[in-house]
Amino acid sequence: MFQKPNYSESESQINAQHTKQHDDVETVVGPSVHVEGDFSSEGNILVKGIVSGNVKTSKLFTSEKGSKVLASVKAGNAVVSGVVKGNVKVDDRLELTSTAQVLGDIECGVLVIEAGALIRGKVTMKGLEIDDPKSDKKSGLIRGIVKDDDKKDK
């Protein structure tokens, strides 16, 4: 009567990838630890406590529920479940879980947001190929010429 949900192959691959990345954690800030100052790592970073400084890694950055990062984050990939008060720049995939709170601008390639996540800031994603009409100076010139022609006819 009750069956397990049938996950697609891509979802199971993503979950396996995240599990593998969590197994390779190089730096852990424990739940009772408060780090002050910037730090960077070439390996994965897991924050369970409080970090008052910029965090940088070329791999996976993870902040667990209850954690706080009070500065900017730069990472290859990121999963945020805690609070980040600073800009978040992720080269590839940023996942915001239902408990995530981000107060700052976000820049990433792929953005995954669960229901309940909170963001206050600008979101910019790579790969946008749509022309912005506000930045197109030619459209402004055309409107100006049309307006001048309309005044001459009257």
N, C-alpha and C. Protein backbone atom coordinates (compact mmCIF):
# COMPACT_ATOMS: atom_id res chain seq x y z
N MET A 1 0.81 -1.18 0.00
CA MET A 1 0.00 0.00 0.00
C MET A 1 0.87 1.26 0.00
N PHE A 2 1.81 1.34 0.93
CA PHE A 2 2.72 2.48 0.95
C PHE A 2 4.01 2.08 0.27
N GLN A 3 4.44 2.91 -0.63
CA GLN A 3 5.66 2.60 -1.37
C GLN A 3 6.65 3.73 -1.18
N LYS A 4 7.93 3.38 -1.29
CA LYS A 4 8.97 4.40 -1.26
C LYS A 4 8.85 5.26 -2.50
N PRO A 5 9.14 6.55 -2.38
CA PRO A 5 9.10 7.39 -3.58
C PRO A 5 10.14 6.91 -4.59
N ASN A 6 9.79 7.01 -5.85
CA ASN A 6 10.67 6.56 -6.91
C ASN A 6 11.50 7.75 -7.39
N TYR A 7 12.73 7.84 -6.88
CA TYR A 7 13.61 8.95 -7.26
C TYR A 7 14.20 8.69 -8.63
N SER A 8 14.37 9.74 -9.38
CA SER A 8 14.99 9.60 -10.68
C SER A 8 16.48 9.33 -10.51
N GLU A 9 17.10 8.85 -11.54
CA GLU A 9 18.52 8.53 -11.50
C GLU A 9 19.37 9.76 -11.22
N SER A 10 18.98 10.91 -11.77
CA SER A 10 19.77 12.12 -11.57
C SER A 10 19.72 12.58 -10.11
N GLU A 11 18.56 12.45 -9.45
CA GLU A 11 18.46 12.82 -8.03
C GLU A 11 19.34 11.93 -7.17
N SER A 12 19.36 10.64 -7.46
CA SER A 12 20.19 9.74 -6.66
C SER A 12 21.67 10.01 -6.90
N GLN A 13 22.04 10.40 -8.12
CA GLN A 13 23.43 10.74 -8.40
C GLN A 13 23.84 12.00 -7.65
N ILE A 14 22.95 13.00 -7.60
CA ILE A 14 23.24 14.23 -6.87
C ILE A 14 23.40 13.94 -5.39
N ASN A 15 22.49 13.13 -4.82
CA ASN A 15 22.59 12.78 -3.40
C ASN A 15 23.87 12.02 -3.11
N ALA A 16 24.26 11.11 -4.00
CA ALA A 16 25.51 10.36 -3.82
C ALA A 16 26.71 11.30 -3.90
N GLN A 17 26.66 12.28 -4.80
CA GLN A 17 27.75 13.24 -4.94
C GLN A 17 27.88 14.07 -3.67
N HIS A 18 26.75 14.54 -3.12
CA HIS A 18 26.80 15.33 -1.89
C HIS A 18 27.31 14.50 -0.72
N THR A 19 26.90 13.24 -0.64
CA THR A 19 27.38 12.37 0.43
C THR A 19 28.88 12.17 0.31
N LYS A 20 29.38 11.94 -0.90
CA LYS A 20 30.81 11.75 -1.11
C LYS A 20 31.57 13.02 -0.74
N GLN A 21 31.04 14.19 -1.13
CA GLN A 21 31.71 15.45 -0.81
C GLN A 21 31.74 15.69 0.69
N HIS A 22 30.68 15.32 1.40
CA HIS A 22 30.67 15.49 2.86
C HIS A 22 31.68 14.57 3.51
N ASP A 23 31.94 13.41 2.93
CA ASP A 23 32.93 12.48 3.48
C ASP A 23 34.34 13.03 3.34
N ASP A 24 34.55 13.92 2.39
CA ASP A 24 35.87 14.48 2.13
C ASP A 24 36.11 15.81 2.83
N VAL A 25 35.36 16.10 3.89
CA VAL A 25 35.48 17.38 4.59
C VAL A 25 36.87 17.51 5.17
N GLU A 26 37.48 18.65 4.90
CA GLU A 26 38.84 18.91 5.37
C GLU A 26 38.86 19.84 6.58
N THR A 27 37.93 20.82 6.60
CA THR A 27 37.88 21.79 7.69
C THR A 27 36.49 21.78 8.30
N VAL A 28 36.41 21.63 9.63
CA VAL A 28 35.14 21.63 10.34
C VAL A 28 35.20 22.68 11.45
N VAL A 29 34.20 23.57 11.46
CA VAL A 29 34.04 24.51 12.56
C VAL A 29 32.90 23.96 13.39
N GLY A 30 33.23 23.41 14.56
CA GLY A 30 32.25 22.74 15.42
C GLY A 30 31.17 23.66 15.94
N PRO A 31 30.08 23.08 16.47
CA PRO A 31 28.94 23.88 16.93
C PRO A 31 29.26 24.83 18.08
N SER A 32 30.27 24.53 18.89
CA SER A 32 30.61 25.41 20.02
C SER A 32 31.78 26.34 19.70
N VAL A 33 32.22 26.36 18.44
CA VAL A 33 33.39 27.13 18.03
C VAL A 33 32.96 28.45 17.39
N HIS A 34 33.66 29.54 17.75
CA HIS A 34 33.46 30.85 17.13
C HIS A 34 34.81 31.27 16.54
N VAL A 35 34.90 31.30 15.22
CA VAL A 35 36.13 31.66 14.52
C VAL A 35 36.05 33.13 14.12
N GLU A 36 37.09 33.90 14.44
CA GLU A 36 37.15 35.29 14.01
C GLU A 36 38.32 35.46 13.06
N GLY A 37 38.03 35.98 11.87
CA GLY A 37 39.07 36.17 10.87
C GLY A 37 38.75 35.41 9.60
N ASP A 38 39.42 35.81 8.53
CA ASP A 38 39.22 35.17 7.23
C ASP A 38 39.97 33.86 7.19
N PHE A 39 39.40 32.88 6.48
CA PHE A 39 40.19 31.68 6.21
C PHE A 39 39.80 31.07 4.88
N SER A 40 40.76 30.38 4.30
CA SER A 40 40.53 29.74 3.01
C SER A 40 41.10 28.33 3.05
N SER A 41 40.57 27.50 2.18
CA SER A 41 40.98 26.10 2.12
C SER A 41 40.84 25.61 0.69
N GLU A 42 41.65 24.66 0.33
CA GLU A 42 41.52 24.02 -0.98
C GLU A 42 40.59 22.81 -0.88
N GLY A 43 40.19 22.45 0.34
CA GLY A 43 39.29 21.31 0.55
C GLY A 43 37.91 21.78 0.95
N ASN A 44 37.04 20.83 1.27
CA ASN A 44 35.68 21.12 1.68
C ASN A 44 35.67 21.74 3.08
N ILE A 45 34.72 22.64 3.31
CA ILE A 45 34.58 23.31 4.60
C ILE A 45 33.16 23.05 5.11
N LEU A 46 33.07 22.65 6.38
CA LEU A 46 31.78 22.42 7.04
C LEU A 46 31.71 23.33 8.26
N VAL A 47 30.69 24.20 8.30
CA VAL A 47 30.52 25.12 9.42
C VAL A 47 29.28 24.70 10.21
N LYS A 48 29.51 24.43 11.50
CA LYS A 48 28.42 24.12 12.42
C LYS A 48 28.28 25.21 13.48
N GLY A 49 29.32 26.04 13.64
CA GLY A 49 29.34 27.09 14.63
C GLY A 49 29.22 28.46 14.00
N ILE A 50 30.05 29.40 14.49
CA ILE A 50 29.99 30.79 14.02
C ILE A 50 31.34 31.18 13.41
N VAL A 51 31.29 31.79 12.24
CA VAL A 51 32.50 32.30 11.59
C VAL A 51 32.29 33.79 11.33
N SER A 52 33.15 34.62 11.93
CA SER A 52 33.11 36.07 11.70
C SER A 52 34.29 36.45 10.82
N GLY A 53 34.17 36.15 9.55
CA GLY A 53 35.24 36.43 8.61
C GLY A 53 34.92 35.78 7.28
N ASN A 54 35.58 36.23 6.24
CA ASN A 54 35.35 35.68 4.89
C ASN A 54 35.81 34.24 4.82
N VAL A 55 35.03 33.43 4.09
CA VAL A 55 35.34 32.01 3.91
C VAL A 55 35.53 31.77 2.43
N LYS A 56 36.62 31.06 2.07
CA LYS A 56 36.91 30.79 0.66
C LYS A 56 37.39 29.36 0.51
N THR A 57 36.79 28.65 -0.45
CA THR A 57 37.24 27.31 -0.82
C THR A 57 36.95 27.08 -2.29
N SER A 58 37.78 26.30 -2.93
CA SER A 58 37.53 25.98 -4.34
C SER A 58 36.60 24.77 -4.46
N LYS A 59 36.29 24.14 -3.34
CA LYS A 59 35.42 22.95 -3.35
C LYS A 59 34.09 23.26 -2.68
N LEU A 60 33.58 22.35 -1.85
CA LEU A 60 32.25 22.46 -1.26
C LEU A 60 32.28 23.19 0.07
N PHE A 61 31.42 24.20 0.21
CA PHE A 61 31.19 24.89 1.47
C PHE A 61 29.82 24.47 1.97
N THR A 62 29.74 24.04 3.23
CA THR A 62 28.46 23.63 3.82
C THR A 62 28.28 24.35 5.14
N SER A 63 27.11 24.96 5.33
CA SER A 63 26.77 25.52 6.64
C SER A 63 25.52 24.78 7.12
N GLU A 64 25.61 24.21 8.32
CA GLU A 64 24.50 23.44 8.86
C GLU A 64 23.49 24.35 9.55
N LYS A 65 22.32 23.82 9.81
CA LYS A 65 21.27 24.53 10.53
C LYS A 65 21.83 24.99 11.89
N GLY A 66 21.61 26.24 12.22
CA GLY A 66 22.11 26.79 13.47
C GLY A 66 23.46 27.48 13.35
N SER A 67 24.12 27.34 12.23
CA SER A 67 25.43 27.99 12.03
C SER A 67 25.24 29.42 11.54
N LYS A 68 26.29 30.23 11.73
CA LYS A 68 26.27 31.61 11.25
C LYS A 68 27.61 31.95 10.62
N VAL A 69 27.54 32.57 9.45
CA VAL A 69 28.73 33.11 8.79
C VAL A 69 28.48 34.60 8.64
N LEU A 70 29.30 35.41 9.30
CA LEU A 70 29.09 36.85 9.33
C LEU A 70 30.11 37.55 8.42
N ALA A 71 30.15 37.16 7.17
CA ALA A 71 31.02 37.73 6.14
C ALA A 71 30.71 37.04 4.83
N SER A 72 31.49 37.33 3.81
CA SER A 72 31.25 36.77 2.49
C SER A 72 31.76 35.35 2.37
N VAL A 73 31.12 34.60 1.47
CA VAL A 73 31.50 33.22 1.19
C VAL A 73 31.81 33.10 -0.29
N LYS A 74 32.92 32.46 -0.62
CA LYS A 74 33.27 32.18 -2.01
C LYS A 74 33.63 30.69 -2.07
N ALA A 75 32.96 29.95 -2.98
CA ALA A 75 33.17 28.50 -3.03
C ALA A 75 32.91 27.96 -4.43
N GLY A 76 33.37 26.73 -4.65
CA GLY A 76 33.09 26.04 -5.90
C GLY A 76 31.63 25.62 -5.95
N ASN A 77 31.15 24.99 -4.86
CA ASN A 77 29.76 24.59 -4.65
C ASN A 77 29.41 24.91 -3.21
N ALA A 78 28.12 25.04 -2.91
CA ALA A 78 27.74 25.35 -1.53
C ALA A 78 26.35 24.82 -1.22
N VAL A 79 26.20 24.40 0.04
CA VAL A 79 24.91 24.02 0.59
C VAL A 79 24.75 24.82 1.88
N VAL A 80 23.74 25.70 1.91
CA VAL A 80 23.54 26.57 3.07
C VAL A 80 22.26 26.17 3.77
N SER A 81 22.40 25.85 5.06
CA SER A 81 21.24 25.55 5.90
C SER A 81 21.17 26.51 7.09
N GLY A 82 22.22 27.30 7.28
CA GLY A 82 22.29 28.25 8.39
C GLY A 82 22.11 29.67 7.90
N VAL A 83 22.69 30.61 8.66
CA VAL A 83 22.59 32.04 8.36
C VAL A 83 23.90 32.53 7.75
N VAL A 84 23.80 33.27 6.65
CA VAL A 84 24.96 33.93 6.04
C VAL A 84 24.63 35.41 5.92
N LYS A 85 25.41 36.25 6.62
CA LYS A 85 25.25 37.70 6.50
C LYS A 85 26.45 38.22 5.73
N GLY A 86 26.34 38.16 4.42
CA GLY A 86 27.41 38.57 3.53
C GLY A 86 27.10 38.04 2.14
N ASN A 87 27.86 38.46 1.18
CA ASN A 87 27.65 38.01 -0.20
C ASN A 87 28.10 36.57 -0.36
N VAL A 88 27.41 35.84 -1.24
CA VAL A 88 27.73 34.45 -1.52
C VAL A 88 28.04 34.34 -3.01
N LYS A 89 29.26 33.92 -3.33
CA LYS A 89 29.66 33.74 -4.73
C LYS A 89 30.09 32.29 -4.91
N VAL A 90 29.35 31.57 -5.76
CA VAL A 90 29.59 30.15 -5.97
C VAL A 90 29.81 29.92 -7.46
N ASP A 91 30.90 29.24 -7.79
CA ASP A 91 31.24 29.00 -9.19
C ASP A 91 30.19 28.14 -9.89
N ASP A 92 29.69 27.10 -9.21
CA ASP A 92 28.78 26.17 -9.85
C ASP A 92 27.41 26.17 -9.18
N ARG A 93 27.16 25.26 -8.25
CA ARG A 93 25.83 25.02 -7.69
C ARG A 93 25.72 25.52 -6.25
N LEU A 94 24.67 26.32 -6.00
CA LEU A 94 24.35 26.78 -4.66
C LEU A 94 22.99 26.22 -4.29
N GLU A 95 22.93 25.53 -3.16
CA GLU A 95 21.68 24.98 -2.67
C GLU A 95 21.34 25.64 -1.34
N LEU A 96 20.13 26.22 -1.27
CA LEU A 96 19.64 26.82 -0.05
C LEU A 96 18.53 25.92 0.49
N THR A 97 18.75 25.33 1.67
CA THR A 97 17.75 24.45 2.24
C THR A 97 16.65 25.28 2.91
N SER A 98 15.65 24.61 3.45
CA SER A 98 14.50 25.31 4.01
C SER A 98 14.84 26.17 5.22
N THR A 99 15.97 25.92 5.88
CA THR A 99 16.35 26.70 7.06
C THR A 99 17.38 27.79 6.74
N ALA A 100 17.76 27.93 5.48
CA ALA A 100 18.78 28.90 5.09
C ALA A 100 18.25 30.32 5.16
N GLN A 101 19.15 31.24 5.58
CA GLN A 101 18.87 32.67 5.58
C GLN A 101 20.10 33.37 5.04
N VAL A 102 19.94 34.09 3.92
CA VAL A 102 21.06 34.79 3.30
C VAL A 102 20.72 36.27 3.24
N LEU A 103 21.55 37.08 3.88
CA LEU A 103 21.40 38.53 3.85
C LEU A 103 22.60 39.07 3.08
N GLY A 104 22.47 39.15 1.75
CA GLY A 104 23.55 39.58 0.89
C GLY A 104 23.28 39.14 -0.53
N ASP A 105 24.10 39.61 -1.43
CA ASP A 105 23.94 39.27 -2.85
C ASP A 105 24.45 37.86 -3.13
N ILE A 106 23.80 37.21 -4.08
CA ILE A 106 24.15 35.84 -4.48
C ILE A 106 24.57 35.85 -5.94
N GLU A 107 25.68 35.16 -6.22
CA GLU A 107 26.13 34.97 -7.60
C GLU A 107 26.49 33.50 -7.75
N CYS A 108 25.87 32.82 -8.72
CA CYS A 108 26.13 31.39 -8.89
C CYS A 108 25.78 30.95 -10.30
N GLY A 109 26.12 29.69 -10.60
CA GLY A 109 25.78 29.11 -11.88
C GLY A 109 24.41 28.47 -11.84
N VAL A 110 24.17 27.64 -10.82
CA VAL A 110 22.90 26.95 -10.63
C VAL A 110 22.41 27.25 -9.22
N LEU A 111 21.14 27.61 -9.08
CA LEU A 111 20.58 27.93 -7.78
C LEU A 111 19.41 26.99 -7.48
N VAL A 112 19.48 26.31 -6.34
CA VAL A 112 18.40 25.43 -5.88
C VAL A 112 17.90 26.00 -4.56
N ILE A 113 16.60 26.31 -4.48
CA ILE A 113 16.04 26.90 -3.28
C ILE A 113 14.88 26.05 -2.80
N GLU A 114 14.97 25.55 -1.56
CA GLU A 114 13.86 24.81 -0.97
C GLU A 114 12.86 25.80 -0.39
N ALA A 115 11.61 25.38 -0.31
CA ALA A 115 10.57 26.21 0.29
C ALA A 115 10.95 26.52 1.73
N GLY A 116 10.84 27.80 2.10
CA GLY A 116 11.17 28.22 3.45
C GLY A 116 12.48 28.97 3.55
N ALA A 117 13.35 28.84 2.57
CA ALA A 117 14.63 29.57 2.57
C ALA A 117 14.34 31.05 2.41
N LEU A 118 15.16 31.88 3.08
CA LEU A 118 14.97 33.33 3.05
C LEU A 118 16.18 34.01 2.43
N ILE A 119 15.92 34.98 1.53
CA ILE A 119 16.99 35.72 0.87
C ILE A 119 16.63 37.20 0.89
N ARG A 120 17.60 38.04 1.23
CA ARG A 120 17.45 39.48 1.05
C ARG A 120 18.72 39.95 0.35
N GLY A 121 18.59 40.19 -0.95
CA GLY A 121 19.73 40.59 -1.75
C GLY A 121 19.46 40.33 -3.22
N LYS A 122 20.42 40.64 -4.02
CA LYS A 122 20.32 40.48 -5.47
C LYS A 122 20.85 39.10 -5.85
N VAL A 123 20.19 38.45 -6.80
CA VAL A 123 20.63 37.15 -7.30
C VAL A 123 21.07 37.31 -8.74
N THR A 124 22.30 36.89 -9.04
CA THR A 124 22.85 36.95 -10.39
C THR A 124 23.31 35.55 -10.76
N MET A 125 22.88 35.09 -11.93
CA MET A 125 23.28 33.76 -12.38
C MET A 125 24.01 33.85 -13.71
N LYS A 126 25.00 32.98 -13.87
CA LYS A 126 25.78 32.95 -15.10
C LYS A 126 24.95 32.34 -16.23
N GLY A 127 25.28 32.70 -17.46
CA GLY A 127 24.68 32.06 -18.62
C GLY A 127 23.48 32.79 -19.19
N LEU A 128 23.11 33.94 -18.64
CA LEU A 128 21.97 34.69 -19.15
C LEU A 128 22.32 35.32 -20.49
N GLU A 129 21.52 35.00 -21.52
CA GLU A 129 21.80 35.51 -22.86
C GLU A 129 20.67 36.38 -23.38
N ILE A 130 19.77 36.81 -22.52
CA ILE A 130 18.66 37.67 -22.94
C ILE A 130 19.13 39.11 -22.88
N ASP A 131 18.85 39.89 -23.93
CA ASP A 131 19.24 41.30 -23.96
C ASP A 131 18.37 42.09 -22.99
N ASP A 132 18.98 42.97 -22.25
CA ASP A 132 18.27 43.84 -21.31
C ASP A 132 17.89 45.12 -22.05
N PRO A 133 16.60 45.39 -22.26
CA PRO A 133 16.22 46.59 -23.03
C PRO A 133 16.61 47.89 -22.33
N LYS A 134 16.74 47.89 -21.02
CA LYS A 134 17.12 49.10 -20.30
C LYS A 134 18.56 49.50 -20.61
N SER A 135 19.41 48.50 -20.88
CA SER A 135 20.81 48.81 -21.15
C SER A 135 21.08 49.04 -22.63
N ASP A 136 20.09 48.86 -23.49
CA ASP A 136 20.27 49.02 -24.93
C ASP A 136 20.11 50.49 -25.28
N LYS A 137 21.20 51.15 -25.59
CA LYS A 137 21.18 52.58 -25.87
C LYS A 137 20.48 52.89 -27.20
N LYS A 138 20.51 51.93 -28.13
CA LYS A 138 19.87 52.17 -29.42
C LYS A 138 18.38 52.39 -29.27
N SER A 139 17.72 51.65 -28.37
CA SER A 139 16.28 51.81 -28.22
C SER A 139 15.95 53.20 -27.69
N GLY A 140 16.79 53.77 -26.84
CA GLY A 140 16.59 55.12 -26.34
C GLY A 140 16.73 56.14 -27.46
N LEU A 141 17.69 55.93 -28.37
CA LEU A 141 17.88 56.85 -29.48
C LEU A 141 16.70 56.81 -30.43
N ILE A 142 16.17 55.64 -30.65
CA ILE A 142 15.03 55.52 -31.57
C ILE A 142 13.83 56.24 -30.99
N ARG A 143 13.60 56.08 -29.68
CA ARG A 143 12.47 56.77 -29.06
C ARG A 143 12.66 58.28 -29.15
N GLY A 144 13.87 58.76 -28.97
CA GLY A 144 14.14 60.19 -29.04
C GLY A 144 13.86 60.74 -30.43
N ILE A 145 14.23 60.02 -31.45
CA ILE A 145 14.00 60.46 -32.83
C ILE A 145 12.52 60.47 -33.13
N VAL A 146 11.79 59.46 -32.68
CA VAL A 146 10.36 59.41 -32.93
C VAL A 146 9.67 60.58 -32.25
N LYS A 147 10.07 60.91 -31.04
CA LYS A 147 9.45 62.03 -30.33
C LYS A 147 9.72 63.34 -31.06
N ASP A 148 10.93 63.53 -31.58
CA ASP A 148 11.26 64.77 -32.30
C ASP A 148 10.42 64.86 -33.58
N ASP A 149 10.26 63.76 -34.30
CA ASP A 149 9.46 63.75 -35.52
C ASP A 149 8.00 64.07 -35.22
N ASP A 150 7.49 63.56 -34.10
CA ASP A 150 6.10 63.83 -33.74
C ASP A 150 5.88 65.31 -33.48
N LYS A 151 6.84 65.99 -32.88
CA LYS A 151 6.69 67.42 -32.58
C LYS A 151 6.69 68.26 -33.85
N LYS A 152 7.46 67.86 -34.86
CA LYS A 152 7.53 68.61 -36.12
C LYS A 152 6.23 68.53 -36.89
N ASP A 153 5.54 67.36 -36.79
CA ASP A 153 4.30 67.18 -37.54
C ASP A 153 3.16 68.04 -36.96
N LYS A 154 3.22 68.42 -35.71
CA LYS A 154 2.12 69.14 -35.08
C LYS A 154 2.22 70.60 -35.23
